[in-house]
Amino acid sequence: MKTLNVMGYKKIWFGISLTLLAIGLVFLLINGGLNLGMDFTGGSSIHANIGKTFEVSEIRDIMDKYDPSATITHAGQNKDQVIIRTKISFDNEKRIEIMKAFSDKYSIEAKDISFESIGPTVGKELAMQSLTALLLAFLGIMIYVSFRFEWRFGLASLTALIHDVLIMVAAYAVLQIPVNSTFIAALLTIIGYSINATIVIFDKIRENIKSERSRKMDYDSIVNVAVNQTLTRSINTSLTTLITIFALYFLGVPAIKDIAFPMIVGVLSGCYSSVLLASPLWVALRRRFKVS
């Protein structure tokens, strides 16, 4: 099997990442930021028990009058229920209108329709809690990796994780997918996945540094050897994970797809950063802050 020259093409890896992040930044500026879902902006959630199968387009015909951008998904074991999520908070008058529209079309009673409102204050609290969780995860990982290896490994792994987060943000900015609580859950999951793959490579680098053979090798060569020693494991782990997530995305219900998509992006980005970015970053830090 041909070996992968990670260090020899490090400028290409960095260039690809910077290009993707630049594209995400452009779309963020064009769209005025991310498309925040109702979990962060506040709004209403409507749950209706239709009692029979239906097409999403039928519900869309009803909701177009109130919010054409509302998210509509099937629910229930027999897909005879619907969940509608909208950024609009309906007053009692509008709620009565919506209930009447459903009743006229599907002959259901008022008890079969429920409304749940999320205020903007709750959305702000969720945003702060999400940011806090992300920062604590970064801090914990930085401390753990620095303690287990050295601070240069810790800083390199943290930079790679921030890269993964920004790539996911860029994907959401380009596709204008609503950002809800599932995005944060997927984000924290991917951080754990990515750092695990990075630590495997860093552990091999540390092992190779201590070996007799490495005494005549420079850091570039040590990294290349370590990455190639773990490359099969990294690829196989990512592929098996992706197969499962793709199955969830294409065969699962819409609620599952909401978390499956960021997981797909995160696994791809996490594998890329662990194999191609983290180690070159460590070498750059090692040379910048030389060790006697």
Foldseek 3Di string as FASTA:
>chain_A
DDFDLQLVCLVVLVVVLVVLLVLLVVLCVVVVHAQAFCLQQKAKKKKAQLPDADDVVVVCVLCVVPDNPWDWFFDDPRSRMIIIGDNHHDDPVVVVVSLVVSCVVRVDDPVRMDMDIDHNVSSNVVVVVLVVVVVVLLVVQQVVQCVVPNNLLSVLLSVLLVSLVSSLSSVSSVVSDHDHPLLSVLSSVLSVVLVVLLVQLVVQLVVQCPDPVCVPPDLSVSSSVSLRVCVVVLVVVLVVVLVVLVCCCVPNTPVSVVNSVSNNSSSVSSSSCSRNRSSSSSSVVCVVVPDD
